[in-house]
């Protein structure tokens, strides 16, 4: 077993045990993607996040196999894109994902972005169908605001285990995180390190110096010290992949957590998103 595996912690939500730190693969492609996934798993990550829209599920599968880590020790999540939310297309998308990754099952399938056509209820019906078919063990959503989350829960037979949304020190998502927690779900943070100066922020730089850690490690540690948060950083660089995982042997003090959280009030920036797809965010 890879060094560091014993330190992995989990968030439990409705029967899903999700490793608190996952390896994100957005914008990774080709051999670089396969190598990065394999390295992440060797380092100790046990959660891999991909999506049909990323165009790299086949390479993610290559990386999983090259790592030598048994499939049943890896939590694999993928997402269905907005063009494929109608029932037959939804099922076909998940089947393609299974074939590309080279696995008999997925641990988590998410609706990548909400849509009004088909409706949330119809889309959630398709999501439940692929779970009943045994293609995925758990289901969830991504980029849903609290109102859409309520619609999704009302329409779902099986529990939704997570809502994957942007979250970092410049975007605290307090209202949405409270809604997610109210349903007993995990909140999965994408773009957890943020962009445009988050890692250069004087507050984060000072805390990193105090702990003799990098700013990225401090931000990821801040993520994990929130109850119910799963974080999925991404990197193609071996040293950063290892660095991002090395966050289980130190803690931030309460005042440090508060100082970082306060940055959302003063900066409040949303960096990710796809034009025309984002809902009316809670904040």
Protein backbone atom coordinates (compact mmCIF):
# COMPACT_ATOMS: atom_id res chain seq x y z
CA UNK A 1 0.00 0.00 0.00
CA UNK A 2 1.32 3.46 -0.90
CA UNK A 3 2.93 5.60 1.75
CA UNK A 4 0.45 7.94 3.39
CA UNK A 5 -2.64 5.83 2.70
CA UNK A 6 -3.27 5.26 6.42
CA UNK A 7 -3.67 8.99 6.90
CA UNK A 8 -6.58 9.33 4.51
CA UNK A 9 -9.75 10.43 6.23
CA UNK A 10 -13.31 10.09 5.00
CA UNK A 11 -16.55 12.04 4.96
CA UNK A 12 -19.55 9.77 5.38
CA UNK A 13 -22.84 10.74 3.78
CA UNK A 14 -25.84 8.46 3.33
CA UNK A 15 -23.74 5.30 3.13
CA UNK A 16 -20.97 6.78 0.97
CA UNK A 17 -17.49 6.98 2.49
CA UNK A 18 -15.72 9.62 0.43
CA UNK A 19 -11.98 10.22 0.89
CA UNK A 20 -11.66 13.82 2.06
CA UNK A 21 -8.97 14.61 -0.48
CA UNK A 22 -9.46 13.59 -4.08
CA UNK A 23 -7.44 14.10 -7.23
CA UNK A 24 -9.11 16.42 -9.73
CA UNK A 25 -8.44 15.86 -13.44
CA UNK A 26 -10.03 18.87 -15.17
CA UNK A 27 -7.84 20.03 -18.07
CA UNK A 28 -5.51 17.05 -17.75
CA UNK A 29 -5.16 15.16 -21.01
CA UNK A 30 -3.25 12.42 -22.76
CA UNK A 31 -0.28 10.69 -21.23
CA UNK A 32 0.15 13.55 -18.76
CA UNK A 33 -3.26 12.73 -17.30
CA UNK A 34 -2.54 9.00 -17.03
CA UNK A 35 0.81 9.64 -15.34
CA UNK A 36 -0.66 12.15 -12.91
CA UNK A 37 -3.50 9.81 -11.87
CA UNK A 38 -1.09 6.91 -11.36
CA UNK A 39 1.25 9.08 -9.30
CA UNK A 40 -1.60 10.44 -7.18
CA UNK A 41 -2.73 6.93 -6.33
CA UNK A 42 0.80 5.83 -5.50
CA UNK A 43 1.16 8.83 -3.18
CA UNK A 44 -1.96 7.80 -1.29
CA UNK A 45 -4.98 9.49 -2.90
CA UNK A 46 -7.93 7.14 -3.07
CA UNK A 47 -10.48 9.41 -4.75
CA UNK A 48 -10.31 10.31 -8.45
CA UNK A 49 -12.66 12.89 -9.96
CA UNK A 50 -13.32 13.11 -13.70
CA UNK A 51 -16.21 13.93 -16.06
CA UNK A 52 -17.43 13.00 -19.50
CA UNK A 53 -16.90 16.62 -20.56
CA UNK A 54 -13.22 16.51 -19.55
CA UNK A 55 -12.47 14.15 -22.44
CA UNK A 56 -9.98 12.21 -20.35
CA UNK A 57 -11.87 9.28 -18.81
CA UNK A 58 -9.89 6.78 -20.89
CA UNK A 59 -6.62 8.25 -19.61
CA UNK A 60 -7.95 8.27 -16.05
CA UNK A 61 -8.61 4.56 -16.46
CA UNK A 62 -5.07 4.02 -17.75
CA UNK A 63 -3.69 5.78 -14.71
CA UNK A 64 -5.79 3.71 -12.33
CA UNK A 65 -4.55 0.47 -13.88
CA UNK A 66 -0.93 1.66 -14.02
CA UNK A 67 -0.97 2.56 -10.33
CA UNK A 68 -1.31 -1.05 -9.22
CA UNK A 69 -3.92 -0.05 -6.63
CA UNK A 70 -6.91 -2.44 -6.62
CA UNK A 71 -10.05 -0.89 -8.09
CA UNK A 72 -12.10 -1.59 -4.97
CA UNK A 73 -9.76 0.66 -2.96
CA UNK A 74 -10.40 3.68 -5.20
CA UNK A 75 -13.43 6.00 -5.10
CA UNK A 76 -14.08 7.01 -8.74
CA UNK A 77 -16.48 9.85 -9.57
CA UNK A 78 -17.63 11.11 -12.96
CA UNK A 79 -20.27 13.53 -14.24
CA UNK A 80 -22.87 13.65 -17.01
CA UNK A 81 -22.77 16.75 -19.21
CA UNK A 82 -25.79 18.98 -19.91
CA UNK A 83 -26.21 17.71 -23.48
CA UNK A 84 -26.87 14.21 -22.17
CA UNK A 85 -29.39 14.77 -19.37
CA UNK A 86 -32.42 13.29 -21.17
CA UNK A 87 -33.06 9.74 -19.97
CA UNK A 88 -31.72 7.62 -22.85
CA UNK A 89 -28.75 9.95 -23.41
CA UNK A 90 -28.03 10.00 -19.68
CA UNK A 91 -27.79 6.22 -19.52
CA UNK A 92 -25.68 6.12 -22.68
CA UNK A 93 -23.30 8.71 -21.22
CA UNK A 94 -22.76 6.70 -18.04
CA UNK A 95 -22.27 3.50 -20.06
CA UNK A 96 -19.62 5.26 -22.15
CA UNK A 97 -17.93 6.47 -18.98
CA UNK A 98 -17.78 2.91 -17.64
CA UNK A 99 -16.28 1.68 -20.89
CA UNK A 100 -13.75 4.49 -21.19
CA UNK A 101 -12.57 4.19 -17.60
CA UNK A 102 -12.57 0.41 -17.91
CA UNK A 103 -14.55 -0.36 -14.78
CA UNK A 104 -17.65 -2.39 -13.98
CA UNK A 105 -18.99 0.22 -11.60
CA UNK A 106 -18.59 3.84 -10.57
CA UNK A 107 -18.59 5.00 -6.99
CA UNK A 108 -20.33 8.28 -7.76
CA UNK A 109 -22.19 9.77 -10.72
CA UNK A 110 -23.04 13.47 -10.67
CA UNK A 111 -25.20 15.76 -12.76
CA UNK A 112 -22.47 18.16 -13.94
CA UNK A 113 -24.61 21.30 -14.23
CA UNK A 114 -28.33 21.82 -13.60
CA UNK A 115 -30.75 22.23 -16.48
CA UNK A 116 -34.36 23.27 -16.88
CA UNK A 117 -34.82 21.23 -20.07
CA UNK A 118 -35.12 18.43 -19.16
CA UNK A 119 -36.33 19.40 -15.72
CA UNK A 120 -34.45 18.73 -12.51
CA UNK A 121 -37.02 16.05 -11.65
CA UNK A 122 -36.53 14.26 -14.98
CA UNK A 123 -32.76 14.42 -14.73
CA UNK A 124 -32.76 13.15 -11.16
CA UNK A 125 -35.00 10.31 -12.33
CA UNK A 126 -32.33 9.30 -14.84
CA UNK A 127 -29.67 9.61 -12.15
CA UNK A 128 -31.64 7.21 -9.95
CA UNK A 129 -32.07 4.82 -12.86
CA UNK A 130 -28.33 4.32 -13.35
CA UNK A 131 -28.00 3.60 -9.64
CA UNK A 132 -30.78 0.99 -9.82
CA UNK A 133 -28.97 -0.57 -12.78
CA UNK A 134 -25.88 -1.05 -10.61
CA UNK A 135 -23.70 1.24 -12.70
CA UNK A 136 -22.96 3.50 -9.75
CA UNK A 137 -22.99 2.99 -6.01
CA UNK A 138 -23.89 6.58 -5.17
CA UNK A 139 -25.37 9.63 -6.85
CA UNK A 140 -25.13 13.38 -6.41
CA UNK A 141 -25.14 16.76 -8.11
CA UNK A 142 -22.73 19.52 -9.01
CA UNK A 143 -23.22 23.27 -9.27
CA UNK A 144 -26.70 23.20 -7.71
CA UNK A 145 -27.85 26.16 -5.62
CA UNK A 146 -30.01 25.55 -2.55
CA UNK A 147 -33.32 25.91 -4.43
CA UNK A 148 -32.30 23.39 -7.09
CA UNK A 149 -30.97 21.12 -4.37
CA UNK A 150 -34.40 21.11 -2.76
CA UNK A 151 -35.97 20.18 -6.11
CA UNK A 152 -33.45 17.40 -6.60
CA UNK A 153 -34.09 15.91 -3.17
CA UNK A 154 -37.85 16.04 -3.68
CA UNK A 155 -37.48 14.06 -6.91
CA UNK A 156 -34.92 11.49 -5.77
CA UNK A 157 -35.63 7.98 -4.53
CA UNK A 158 -32.05 7.42 -3.38
CA UNK A 159 -30.13 9.91 -1.23
CA UNK A 160 -27.86 12.43 -2.92
CA UNK A 161 -24.47 12.14 -1.24
CA UNK A 162 -22.72 15.33 -2.39
CA UNK A 163 -23.00 18.67 -4.15
CA UNK A 164 -19.75 19.56 -5.92
CA UNK A 165 -19.24 23.32 -6.15
CA UNK A 166 -16.51 25.94 -6.20
CA UNK A 167 -15.13 26.66 -2.73
CA UNK A 168 -11.95 28.40 -1.57
CA UNK A 169 -10.89 31.23 0.78
CA UNK A 170 -12.28 33.87 -1.55
CA UNK A 171 -15.65 32.06 -1.89
CA UNK A 172 -17.00 30.79 1.41
CA UNK A 173 -20.42 29.54 0.19
CA UNK A 174 -21.83 29.70 3.73
CA UNK A 175 -25.51 29.54 2.74
CA UNK A 176 -25.06 26.76 0.26
CA UNK A 177 -22.84 24.74 2.60
CA UNK A 178 -25.49 25.05 5.30
CA UNK A 179 -28.14 23.75 2.90
CA UNK A 180 -25.92 20.83 1.88
CA UNK A 181 -25.23 19.97 5.51
CA UNK A 182 -28.95 20.13 6.27
CA UNK A 183 -29.49 17.21 3.89
CA UNK A 184 -26.67 15.23 5.47
CA UNK A 185 -24.59 15.54 2.30
CA UNK A 186 -20.90 16.09 1.77
CA UNK A 187 -19.81 19.33 0.12
CA UNK A 188 -17.13 18.63 -2.51
CA UNK A 189 -14.90 21.63 -3.22
CA UNK A 190 -13.62 22.11 -6.75
CA UNK A 191 -11.08 24.83 -7.58
CA UNK A 192 -10.16 24.61 -3.87
CA UNK A 193 -6.94 26.56 -4.18
CA UNK A 194 -8.62 29.34 -6.14
CA UNK A 195 -6.87 31.65 -8.59
CA UNK A 196 -5.82 35.27 -9.05
CA UNK A 197 -3.86 35.85 -5.94
CA UNK A 198 -5.39 33.50 -3.36
CA UNK A 199 -2.06 31.80 -2.72
CA UNK A 200 -0.31 35.17 -2.62
CA UNK A 201 -2.75 36.64 -0.11
CA UNK A 202 -0.75 38.06 2.84
CA UNK A 203 -2.98 36.32 5.39
CA UNK A 204 -2.38 32.90 3.85
CA UNK A 205 1.32 33.54 3.21
CA UNK A 206 1.85 34.53 6.86
CA UNK A 207 0.07 31.44 8.18
CA UNK A 208 2.05 29.22 5.79
CA UNK A 209 5.32 30.71 7.05
CA UNK A 210 4.27 30.12 10.65
CA UNK A 211 3.65 26.43 9.96
CA UNK A 212 6.56 26.06 7.50
CA UNK A 213 4.11 24.90 4.87
CA UNK A 214 3.21 26.13 1.41
CA UNK A 215 0.21 28.42 0.92
CA UNK A 216 -1.52 25.64 -1.05
CA UNK A 217 -1.12 23.24 1.86
CA UNK A 218 -2.59 25.81 4.24
CA UNK A 219 -5.60 26.38 1.97
CA UNK A 220 -6.25 22.65 1.59
CA UNK A 221 -5.90 22.16 5.33
CA UNK A 222 -8.42 24.98 5.83
CA UNK A 223 -10.79 23.09 3.52
CA UNK A 224 -10.53 19.88 5.51
CA UNK A 225 -11.02 21.50 8.89
CA UNK A 226 -14.55 22.40 7.81
CA UNK A 227 -16.95 19.63 8.78
CA UNK A 228 -18.26 17.66 5.82
CA UNK A 229 -15.88 19.11 3.20
CA UNK A 230 -14.20 17.00 0.52
CA UNK A 231 -11.54 18.76 -1.55
CA UNK A 232 -10.26 17.81 -5.02
CA UNK A 233 -7.10 19.74 -5.99
CA UNK A 234 -5.50 19.13 -9.37
CA UNK A 235 -1.92 19.22 -10.60
CA UNK A 236 0.13 17.65 -13.36
CA UNK A 237 3.38 18.11 -11.41
CA UNK A 238 4.64 15.24 -9.27
CA UNK A 239 6.00 17.48 -6.53
CA UNK A 240 2.69 19.37 -6.22
CA UNK A 241 0.66 16.15 -6.26
CA UNK A 242 2.70 14.96 -3.29
CA UNK A 243 2.63 18.37 -1.59
CA UNK A 244 -1.15 18.64 -1.84
CA UNK A 245 -1.56 15.27 -0.13
CA UNK A 246 0.83 16.11 2.72
CA UNK A 247 -1.73 17.96 4.82
CA UNK A 248 -2.71 15.41 7.46
CA UNK A 249 0.12 16.03 9.92
CA UNK A 250 -0.59 19.62 10.96
CA UNK A 251 -3.59 21.69 12.02
CA UNK A 252 -4.67 25.31 11.84
CA UNK A 253 -5.63 27.10 15.04
CA UNK A 254 -9.12 28.53 15.43
CA UNK A 255 -7.89 32.10 14.88
CA UNK A 256 -6.08 31.05 11.71
CA UNK A 257 -9.21 29.34 10.41
CA UNK A 258 -11.23 32.48 11.15
CA UNK A 259 -8.67 34.76 9.47
CA UNK A 260 -8.75 32.72 6.28
CA UNK A 261 -12.56 32.45 6.31
CA UNK A 262 -12.84 36.25 6.64
CA UNK A 263 -11.15 36.63 3.24
CA UNK A 264 -14.39 35.62 1.54
CA UNK A 265 -16.12 38.69 2.94
CA UNK A 266 -13.43 41.08 1.73
CA UNK A 267 -12.77 39.49 -1.68
CA UNK A 268 -15.71 37.23 -2.64
CA UNK A 269 -14.66 36.04 -6.08
CA UNK A 270 -16.04 33.20 -8.17
CA UNK A 271 -13.44 31.98 -10.65
CA UNK A 272 -14.96 28.91 -12.29
CA UNK A 273 -18.09 28.34 -14.33
CA UNK A 274 -19.46 27.87 -17.82
CA UNK A 275 -21.28 30.74 -19.51
CA UNK A 276 -25.02 30.23 -19.58
CA UNK A 277 -25.06 27.24 -17.24
CA UNK A 278 -24.63 28.71 -13.78
CA UNK A 279 -27.75 28.97 -11.59
CA UNK A 280 -28.59 32.03 -9.48
CA UNK A 281 -26.12 31.43 -6.69
CA UNK A 282 -27.23 31.69 -3.07
CA UNK A 283 -24.69 34.43 -2.39
